[in-house]
Amino acid sequence: MLLEAQNVAKAFGDFHAVAGADLSVDEGDIIGLIGPNGAGKSTFFNCLAGDTTPTGGRISFAGQDVTTASPEAHARLGVGRTFQVPATFEDMTVLDNVMVGAFLRHPHRRDAREHARGIVELTGLNSVAHSRARSLGTPGRKRLEIARVLATNPRLMLLDESLAGLTPTELQEAIKLVRRIHEMGVTIVIVEHIMEVIMTLTRRVLVFNQGHVIASGKPEDVVKDETVITAYLGHGSRRHRSET
């Protein structure tokens, strides 16, 4: 088992954002986390990445307890994550941004630069390698953040809505990139609202609602689950579907 989260909980005062969530991830998995806005999936995701410390439960990665480990410790162990709003070094070039990730495994500048060049080529950023990050639009920024994480040589990538806000053509290109990364042997957990992404990429899905995991299984089975349909569409969804 590569990643295991057991009974993970996170409370902010009296508000329980995550209430006893479990997740098991094997090497080579590609898993989706979905749910309505405010369901708790992003908080759970942050706990997995080390950006938020759970108030209960346990998280282990590669057999090591990382429940209270820092994001830096997660990165060194092989956990990489992106953010809903891409974080870039605006005044640095695309290549230099990717080098920031490469330095984790390649402390010498020449080695880091060579590794970063390979990642830039792999992720389709060659044409903008020497442009400043601030010049990129949303698709380029999202791709750059994926590239920088990939440069850390992660065993597990946590993708937080990395494919949101793209045009249909850009989305297809992004799906191809995620597939390529997975084929390289990187295990992936992805939070996404776009069901096309979930149905196309993932093998297993967890559905969050009000801090709880309400369903888990193959994407094609989960989307037919009445509990899931109700969580997304409201209590009148079953009646509405029967009338149409």
C-alpha atoms as a PDB file:
ATOM      1  CA  MET A   1       0.000   0.000   0.000  1.00  0.00           C
ATOM      2  CA  LEU A   2       1.431   3.384  -1.018  1.00  0.00           C
ATOM      3  CA  LEU A   3      -0.927   5.731   0.858  1.00  0.00           C
ATOM      4  CA  GLU A   4      -3.391   4.901   3.603  1.00  0.00           C
ATOM      5  CA  ALA A   5      -5.688   7.325   5.406  1.00  0.00           C
ATOM      6  CA  GLN A   6      -7.659   5.892   8.312  1.00  0.00           C
ATOM      7  CA  ASN A   7     -10.573   7.652  10.020  1.00  0.00           C
ATOM      8  CA  VAL A   8      -9.185  11.078   9.122  1.00  0.00           C
ATOM      9  CA  ALA A   9     -11.044  13.999  10.671  1.00  0.00           C
ATOM     10  CA  LYS A  10     -10.558  17.755  10.521  1.00  0.00           C
ATOM     11  CA  ALA A  11     -12.540  20.234  12.587  1.00  0.00           C
ATOM     12  CA  PHE A  12     -12.421  24.007  12.534  1.00  0.00           C
ATOM     13  CA  GLY A  13     -13.957  24.872  15.863  1.00  0.00           C
ATOM     14  CA  ASP A  14     -17.413  23.276  15.903  1.00  0.00           C
ATOM     15  CA  PHE A  15     -17.406  22.745  12.153  1.00  0.00           C
ATOM     16  CA  HIS A  16     -16.345  19.244  11.086  1.00  0.00           C
ATOM     17  CA  ALA A  17     -15.031  19.628   7.527  1.00  0.00           C
ATOM     18  CA  VAL A  18     -13.954  15.967   7.376  1.00  0.00           C
ATOM     19  CA  ALA A  19     -15.530  13.345   9.613  1.00  0.00           C
ATOM     20  CA  GLY A  20     -13.776   9.980   9.625  1.00  0.00           C
ATOM     21  CA  ALA A  21     -12.691   9.537   6.002  1.00  0.00           C
ATOM     22  CA  ASP A  22     -10.722   6.520   4.773  1.00  0.00           C
ATOM     23  CA  LEU A  23      -8.648   6.092   1.620  1.00  0.00           C
ATOM     24  CA  SER A  24      -6.306   3.344   0.479  1.00  0.00           C
ATOM     25  CA  VAL A  25      -4.082   3.945  -2.539  1.00  0.00           C
ATOM     26  CA  ASP A  26      -1.965   1.221  -4.116  1.00  0.00           C
ATOM     27  CA  GLU A  27       1.058   1.860  -6.282  1.00  0.00           C
ATOM     28  CA  GLY A  28      -0.163   2.552  -9.828  1.00  0.00           C
ATOM     29  CA  ASP A  29      -3.686   3.607  -8.842  1.00  0.00           C
ATOM     30  CA  ILE A  30      -5.488   6.593 -10.346  1.00  0.00           C
ATOM     31  CA  ILE A  31      -8.295   7.659  -8.011  1.00  0.00           C
ATOM     32  CA  GLY A  32     -10.812  10.510  -8.119  1.00  0.00           C
ATOM     33  CA  LEU A  33     -12.302  12.500  -5.235  1.00  0.00           C
ATOM     34  CA  ILE A  34     -15.594  14.181  -6.094  1.00  0.00           C
ATOM     35  CA  GLY A  35     -18.457  15.858  -4.290  1.00  0.00           C
ATOM     36  CA  PRO A  36     -20.502  19.069  -4.103  1.00  0.00           C
ATOM     37  CA  ASN A  37     -18.825  22.346  -3.131  1.00  0.00           C
ATOM     38  CA  GLY A  38     -18.127  22.389   0.595  1.00  0.00           C
ATOM     39  CA  ALA A  39     -18.279  18.589   0.844  1.00  0.00           C
ATOM     40  CA  GLY A  40     -14.882  18.314   2.561  1.00  0.00           C
ATOM     41  CA  LYS A  41     -12.849  16.819  -0.265  1.00  0.00           C
ATOM     42  CA  SER A  42     -10.368  19.716  -0.519  1.00  0.00           C
ATOM     43  CA  THR A  43      -9.766  19.691   3.241  1.00  0.00           C
ATOM     44  CA  PHE A  44      -9.184  15.932   3.114  1.00  0.00           C
ATOM     45  CA  PHE A  45      -6.868  16.474   0.149  1.00  0.00           C
ATOM     46  CA  ASN A  46      -4.895  19.071   2.135  1.00  0.00           C
ATOM     47  CA  CYS A  47      -4.527  16.590   4.977  1.00  0.00           C
ATOM     48  CA  LEU A  48      -3.099  14.010   2.552  1.00  0.00           C
ATOM     49  CA  ALA A  49      -0.590  16.571   1.242  1.00  0.00           C
ATOM     50  CA  GLY A  50       0.567  17.763   4.663  1.00  0.00           C
ATOM     51  CA  ASP A  51      -0.798  21.275   4.212  1.00  0.00           C
ATOM     52  CA  THR A  52      -3.393  20.706   6.931  1.00  0.00           C
ATOM     53  CA  THR A  53      -2.897  18.655  10.099  1.00  0.00           C
ATOM     54  CA  PRO A  54      -5.848  16.352  10.867  1.00  0.00           C
ATOM     55  CA  THR A  55      -7.556  16.596  14.246  1.00  0.00           C
ATOM     56  CA  GLY A  56      -8.084  12.847  14.199  1.00  0.00           C
ATOM     57  CA  GLY A  57      -7.065   9.695  12.377  1.00  0.00           C
ATOM     58  CA  ARG A  58      -3.827   8.547  10.811  1.00  0.00           C
ATOM     59  CA  ILE A  59      -2.152   8.935   7.411  1.00  0.00           C
ATOM     60  CA  SER A  60       0.772   6.808   6.241  1.00  0.00           C
ATOM     61  CA  PHE A  61       2.823   6.970   3.055  1.00  0.00           C
ATOM     62  CA  ALA A  62       5.093   4.109   1.970  1.00  0.00           C
ATOM     63  CA  GLY A  63       4.758   2.637   5.452  1.00  0.00           C
ATOM     64  CA  GLN A  64       5.745   5.842   7.254  1.00  0.00           C
ATOM     65  CA  ASP A  65       3.412   7.841   9.499  1.00  0.00           C
ATOM     66  CA  VAL A  66       2.991  11.284   7.906  1.00  0.00           C
ATOM     67  CA  THR A  67      -0.091  12.437   9.834  1.00  0.00           C
ATOM     68  CA  THR A  68       1.685  15.499  11.238  1.00  0.00           C
ATOM     69  CA  ALA A  69       4.558  15.702   8.722  1.00  0.00           C
ATOM     70  CA  SER A  70       5.240  18.998   6.946  1.00  0.00           C
ATOM     71  CA  PRO A  71       4.615  19.560   3.210  1.00  0.00           C
ATOM     72  CA  GLU A  72       8.398  19.574   2.746  1.00  0.00           C
ATOM     73  CA  ALA A  73       8.676  16.148   4.395  1.00  0.00           C
ATOM     74  CA  HIS A  74       5.882  14.865   2.152  1.00  0.00           C
ATOM     75  CA  ALA A  75       7.737  16.154  -0.923  1.00  0.00           C
ATOM     76  CA  ARG A  76      10.971  14.451   0.097  1.00  0.00           C
ATOM     77  CA  LEU A  77       9.132  11.182   0.594  1.00  0.00           C
ATOM     78  CA  GLY A  78       7.647  11.452  -2.897  1.00  0.00           C
ATOM     79  CA  VAL A  79       4.298  13.219  -2.518  1.00  0.00           C
ATOM     80  CA  GLY A  80       3.685  16.114  -4.924  1.00  0.00           C
ATOM     81  CA  ARG A  81       0.592  18.292  -5.154  1.00  0.00           C
ATOM     82  CA  THR A  82      -0.905  21.052  -7.255  1.00  0.00           C
ATOM     83  CA  PHE A  83      -3.353  23.743  -6.102  1.00  0.00           C
ATOM     84  CA  GLN A  84      -6.763  24.905  -7.323  1.00  0.00           C
ATOM     85  CA  VAL A  85      -5.203  28.290  -8.058  1.00  0.00           C
ATOM     86  CA  PRO A  86      -1.804  27.591  -9.667  1.00  0.00           C
ATOM     87  CA  ALA A  87       1.110  28.973  -7.664  1.00  0.00           C
ATOM     88  CA  THR A  88       3.948  30.204  -9.893  1.00  0.00           C
ATOM     89  CA  PHE A  89       7.016  32.386  -9.503  1.00  0.00           C
ATOM     90  CA  GLU A  90       5.712  35.152 -11.722  1.00  0.00           C
ATOM     91  CA  ASP A  91       8.975  36.888 -12.647  1.00  0.00           C
ATOM     92  CA  MET A  92      10.900  33.674 -13.290  1.00  0.00           C
ATOM     93  CA  THR A  93      10.894  31.868 -16.612  1.00  0.00           C
ATOM     94  CA  VAL A  94       8.934  28.680 -17.126  1.00  0.00           C
ATOM     95  CA  LEU A  95      12.171  26.685 -17.170  1.00  0.00           C
ATOM     96  CA  ASP A  96      13.382  28.266 -13.931  1.00  0.00           C
ATOM     97  CA  ASN A  97      10.009  27.547 -12.298  1.00  0.00           C
ATOM     98  CA  VAL A  98      10.407  23.875 -13.170  1.00  0.00           C
ATOM     99  CA  MET A  99      13.987  23.970 -11.869  1.00  0.00           C
ATOM    100  CA  VAL A 100      12.621  24.886  -8.439  1.00  0.00           C
ATOM    101  CA  GLY A 101      11.030  21.441  -8.328  1.00  0.00           C
ATOM    102  CA  ALA A 102      14.070  19.757  -9.837  1.00  0.00           C
ATOM    103  CA  PHE A 103      16.356  21.054  -7.076  1.00  0.00           C
ATOM    104  CA  LEU A 104      14.647  18.680  -4.618  1.00  0.00           C
ATOM    105  CA  ARG A 105      16.412  15.697  -6.212  1.00  0.00           C
ATOM    106  CA  HIS A 106      19.178  17.495  -8.123  1.00  0.00           C
ATOM    107  CA  PRO A 107      21.008  19.965  -5.841  1.00  0.00           C
ATOM    108  CA  HIS A 108      23.564  20.982  -8.501  1.00  0.00           C
ATOM    109  CA  ARG A 109      22.314  23.697 -10.849  1.00  0.00           C
ATOM    110  CA  ARG A 110      23.508  22.037 -14.059  1.00  0.00           C
ATOM    111  CA  ASP A 111      21.797  18.751 -13.166  1.00  0.00           C
ATOM    112  CA  ALA A 112      18.609  20.523 -12.094  1.00  0.00           C
ATOM    113  CA  ARG A 113      18.505  22.509 -15.332  1.00  0.00           C
ATOM    114  CA  GLU A 114      19.002  19.402 -17.463  1.00  0.00           C
ATOM    115  CA  HIS A 115      16.266  17.550 -15.582  1.00  0.00           C
ATOM    116  CA  ALA A 116      13.933  20.551 -15.841  1.00  0.00           C
ATOM    117  CA  ARG A 117      14.487  20.779 -19.616  1.00  0.00           C
ATOM    118  CA  GLY A 118      13.349  17.172 -19.972  1.00  0.00           C
ATOM    119  CA  ILE A 119      10.212  17.855 -17.938  1.00  0.00           C
ATOM    120  CA  VAL A 120       9.449  21.024 -19.923  1.00  0.00           C
ATOM    121  CA  GLU A 121       9.637  19.006 -23.137  1.00  0.00           C
ATOM    122  CA  LEU A 122       7.528  16.180 -21.703  1.00  0.00           C
ATOM    123  CA  THR A 123       4.770  18.559 -20.597  1.00  0.00           C
ATOM    124  CA  GLY A 124       4.633  20.480 -23.886  1.00  0.00           C
ATOM    125  CA  LEU A 125       6.044  23.758 -22.553  1.00  0.00           C
ATOM    126  CA  ASN A 126       9.051  24.010 -24.871  1.00  0.00           C
ATOM    127  CA  SER A 127       7.680  26.948 -26.833  1.00  0.00           C
ATOM    128  CA  VAL A 128       7.355  29.066 -23.670  1.00  0.00           C
ATOM    129  CA  ALA A 129      10.354  27.709 -21.745  1.00  0.00           C
ATOM    130  CA  HIS A 130      12.064  31.118 -21.647  1.00  0.00           C
ATOM    131  CA  SER A 131       8.913  33.189 -21.149  1.00  0.00           C
ATOM    132  CA  ARG A 132       8.074  34.580 -17.728  1.00  0.00           C
ATOM    133  CA  ALA A 133       5.394  32.685 -15.846  1.00  0.00           C
ATOM    134  CA  ARG A 134       3.246  35.822 -15.607  1.00  0.00           C
ATOM    135  CA  SER A 135       2.765  35.730 -19.388  1.00  0.00           C
ATOM    136  CA  LEU A 136       0.913  32.405 -19.278  1.00  0.00           C
ATOM    137  CA  GLY A 137      -2.842  31.991 -19.375  1.00  0.00           C
ATOM    138  CA  THR A 138      -4.777  29.505 -17.229  1.00  0.00           C
ATOM    139  CA  PRO A 139      -3.928  26.382 -19.292  1.00  0.00           C
ATOM    140  CA  GLY A 140      -0.217  27.234 -19.317  1.00  0.00           C
ATOM    141  CA  ARG A 141      -0.153  27.968 -15.584  1.00  0.00           C
ATOM    142  CA  LYS A 142      -1.849  24.700 -14.741  1.00  0.00           C
ATOM    143  CA  ARG A 143       0.544  22.794 -16.990  1.00  0.00           C
ATOM    144  CA  LEU A 144       3.520  24.633 -15.477  1.00  0.00           C
ATOM    145  CA  GLU A 145       2.483  23.668 -11.961  1.00  0.00           C
ATOM    146  CA  ILE A 146       2.112  20.032 -13.008  1.00  0.00           C
ATOM    147  CA  ALA A 147       5.576  20.248 -14.595  1.00  0.00           C
ATOM    148  CA  ARG A 148       7.142  21.695 -11.456  1.00  0.00           C
ATOM    149  CA  VAL A 149       5.634  18.939  -9.319  1.00  0.00           C
ATOM    150  CA  LEU A 150       6.684  16.276 -11.811  1.00  0.00           C
ATOM    151  CA  ALA A 151      10.250  17.617 -11.622  1.00  0.00           C
ATOM    152  CA  THR A 152      10.390  16.484  -7.976  1.00  0.00           C
ATOM    153  CA  ASN A 153      10.126  12.855  -9.197  1.00  0.00           C
ATOM    154  CA  PRO A 154       7.019  12.078  -7.134  1.00  0.00           C
ATOM    155  CA  ARG A 155       5.716   8.601  -6.475  1.00  0.00           C
ATOM    156  CA  LEU A 156       2.281  10.102  -5.822  1.00  0.00           C
ATOM    157  CA  MET A 157       0.749  13.200  -7.453  1.00  0.00           C
ATOM    158  CA  LEU A 158      -2.212  14.925  -5.841  1.00  0.00           C
ATOM    159  CA  LEU A 159      -3.946  16.990  -8.526  1.00  0.00           C
ATOM    160  CA  ASP A 160      -6.336  19.620  -7.153  1.00  0.00           C
ATOM    161  CA  GLU A 161      -8.680  20.656  -9.983  1.00  0.00           C
ATOM    162  CA  SER A 162      -5.703  20.883 -12.331  1.00  0.00           C
ATOM    163  CA  LEU A 163      -7.948  20.433 -15.368  1.00  0.00           C
ATOM    164  CA  ALA A 164     -10.634  22.964 -14.451  1.00  0.00           C
ATOM    165  CA  GLY A 165     -11.221  26.108 -16.511  1.00  0.00           C
ATOM    166  CA  LEU A 166      -9.953  24.659 -19.796  1.00  0.00           C
ATOM    167  CA  THR A 167     -11.588  24.704 -23.217  1.00  0.00           C
ATOM    168  CA  PRO A 168     -12.674  21.302 -24.618  1.00  0.00           C
ATOM    169  CA  THR A 169      -9.512  21.104 -26.754  1.00  0.00           C
ATOM    170  CA  GLU A 170      -7.262  22.114 -23.849  1.00  0.00           C
ATOM    171  CA  LEU A 171      -9.033  19.595 -21.633  1.00  0.00           C
ATOM    172  CA  GLN A 172      -8.310  16.735 -24.023  1.00  0.00           C
ATOM    173  CA  GLU A 173      -4.638  17.730 -24.147  1.00  0.00           C
ATOM    174  CA  ALA A 174      -4.527  17.875 -20.341  1.00  0.00           C
ATOM    175  CA  ILE A 175      -6.124  14.434 -20.042  1.00  0.00           C
ATOM    176  CA  LYS A 176      -3.447  13.067 -22.402  1.00  0.00           C
ATOM    177  CA  LEU A 177      -0.747  14.619 -20.203  1.00  0.00           C
ATOM    178  CA  VAL A 178      -2.157  13.077 -17.018  1.00  0.00           C
ATOM    179  CA  ARG A 179      -2.338   9.703 -18.778  1.00  0.00           C
ATOM    180  CA  ARG A 180       1.284  10.087 -19.876  1.00  0.00           C
ATOM    181  CA  ILE A 181       2.378  10.844 -16.316  1.00  0.00           C
ATOM    182  CA  HIS A 182       0.457   7.845 -15.008  1.00  0.00           C
ATOM    183  CA  GLU A 183       2.049   5.611 -17.637  1.00  0.00           C
ATOM    184  CA  MET A 184       5.436   6.748 -16.301  1.00  0.00           C
ATOM    185  CA  GLY A 185       4.587   4.942 -13.064  1.00  0.00           C
ATOM    186  CA  VAL A 186       3.276   7.876 -11.033  1.00  0.00           C
ATOM    187  CA  THR A 187       0.289   7.106  -8.821  1.00  0.00           C
ATOM    188  CA  ILE A 188      -2.416   9.795  -9.019  1.00  0.00           C
ATOM    189  CA  VAL A 189      -5.224  11.064  -6.792  1.00  0.00           C
ATOM    190  CA  ILE A 190      -7.291  13.801  -8.411  1.00  0.00           C
ATOM    191  CA  VAL A 191      -9.930  16.183  -7.066  1.00  0.00           C
ATOM    192  CA  GLU A 192     -12.115  17.298  -9.955  1.00  0.00           C
ATOM    193  CA  HIS A 193     -15.608  18.613 -10.700  1.00  0.00           C
ATOM    194  CA  ILE A 194     -15.482  17.766 -14.401  1.00  0.00           C
ATOM    195  CA  MET A 195     -17.114  14.354 -14.685  1.00  0.00           C
ATOM    196  CA  GLU A 196     -15.565  13.759 -18.109  1.00  0.00           C
ATOM    197  CA  VAL A 197     -12.165  13.781 -16.410  1.00  0.00           C
ATOM    198  CA  ILE A 198     -13.304  11.406 -13.672  1.00  0.00           C
ATOM    199  CA  MET A 199     -15.011   9.009 -16.082  1.00  0.00           C
ATOM    200  CA  THR A 200     -12.121   9.063 -18.547  1.00  0.00           C
ATOM    201  CA  LEU A 201      -9.130   8.848 -16.221  1.00  0.00           C
ATOM    202  CA  THR A 202      -9.967   7.234 -12.906  1.00  0.00           C
ATOM    203  CA  ARG A 203     -10.375   3.616 -11.918  1.00  0.00           C
ATOM    204  CA  ARG A 204     -11.955   4.288  -8.536  1.00  0.00           C
ATOM    205  CA  VAL A 205     -13.890   7.213  -7.097  1.00  0.00           C
ATOM    206  CA  LEU A 206     -14.646   8.434  -3.592  1.00  0.00           C
ATOM    207  CA  VAL A 207     -17.644  10.736  -3.187  1.00  0.00           C
ATOM    208  CA  PHE A 208     -17.682  13.262  -0.331  1.00  0.00           C
ATOM    209  CA  ASN A 209     -20.711  14.996   1.129  1.00  0.00           C
ATOM    210  CA  GLN A 210     -20.875  17.006   4.351  1.00  0.00           C
ATOM    211  CA  GLY A 211     -17.510  15.717   5.506  1.00  0.00           C
ATOM    212  CA  HIS A 212     -18.311  12.039   4.960  1.00  0.00           C
ATOM    213  CA  VAL A 213     -17.440   9.544   2.235  1.00  0.00           C
ATOM    214  CA  ILE A 214     -20.884   8.528   0.995  1.00  0.00           C
ATOM    215  CA  ALA A 215     -19.846   6.241  -1.864  1.00  0.00           C
ATOM    216  CA  SER A 216     -16.792   4.499  -3.259  1.00  0.00           C
ATOM    217  CA  GLY A 217     -16.301   2.348  -6.334  1.00  0.00           C
ATOM    218  CA  LYS A 218     -15.880   2.314 -10.086  1.00  0.00           C
ATOM    219  CA  PRO A 219     -16.848   5.621 -11.740  1.00  0.00           C
ATOM    220  CA  GLU A 220     -19.584   4.031 -13.850  1.00  0.00           C
ATOM    221  CA  ASP A 221     -21.180   2.532 -10.727  1.00  0.00           C
ATOM    222  CA  VAL A 222     -20.818   5.585  -8.498  1.00  0.00           C
ATOM    223  CA  VAL A 223     -22.601   7.949 -10.907  1.00  0.00           C
ATOM    224  CA  LYS A 224     -25.677   5.673 -10.782  1.00  0.00           C
ATOM    225  CA  ASP A 225     -25.764   5.597  -6.966  1.00  0.00           C
ATOM    226  CA  GLU A 226     -28.955   7.257  -5.704  1.00  0.00           C
ATOM    227  CA  THR A 227     -27.143   8.661  -2.654  1.00  0.00           C
ATOM    228  CA  VAL A 228     -24.658  10.363  -4.937  1.00  0.00           C
ATOM    229  CA  ILE A 229     -27.360  11.678  -7.266  1.00  0.00           C
ATOM    230  CA  THR A 230     -29.228  13.148  -4.294  1.00  0.00           C
ATOM    231  CA  ALA A 231     -26.084  14.763  -2.891  1.00  0.00           C
ATOM    232  CA  TYR A 232     -25.388  16.483  -6.211  1.00  0.00           C
ATOM    233  CA  LEU A 233     -28.909  17.307  -7.364  1.00  0.00           C
ATOM    234  CA  GLY A 234     -30.949  17.561  -4.169  1.00  0.00           C
ATOM    235  CA  HIS A 235     -33.760  15.514  -2.649  1.00  0.00           C
ATOM    236  CA  GLY A 236     -36.088  16.165  -5.591  1.00  0.00           C
ATOM    237  CA  SER A 237     -33.733  14.598  -8.076  1.00  0.00           C
ATOM    238  CA  ARG A 238     -35.319  11.144  -8.038  1.00  0.00           C
ATOM    239  CA  ARG A 239     -38.821  12.568  -8.595  1.00  0.00           C
ATOM    240  CA  HIS A 240     -37.532  14.896 -11.322  1.00  0.00           C
ATOM    241  CA  ARG A 241     -35.807  12.049 -13.155  1.00  0.00           C
ATOM    242  CA  SER A 242     -38.951   9.915 -13.036  1.00  0.00           C
ATOM    243  CA  GLU A 243     -40.963  12.722 -14.608  1.00  0.00           C
ATOM    244  CA  THR A 244     -38.584  13.275 -17.524  1.00  0.00           C
END
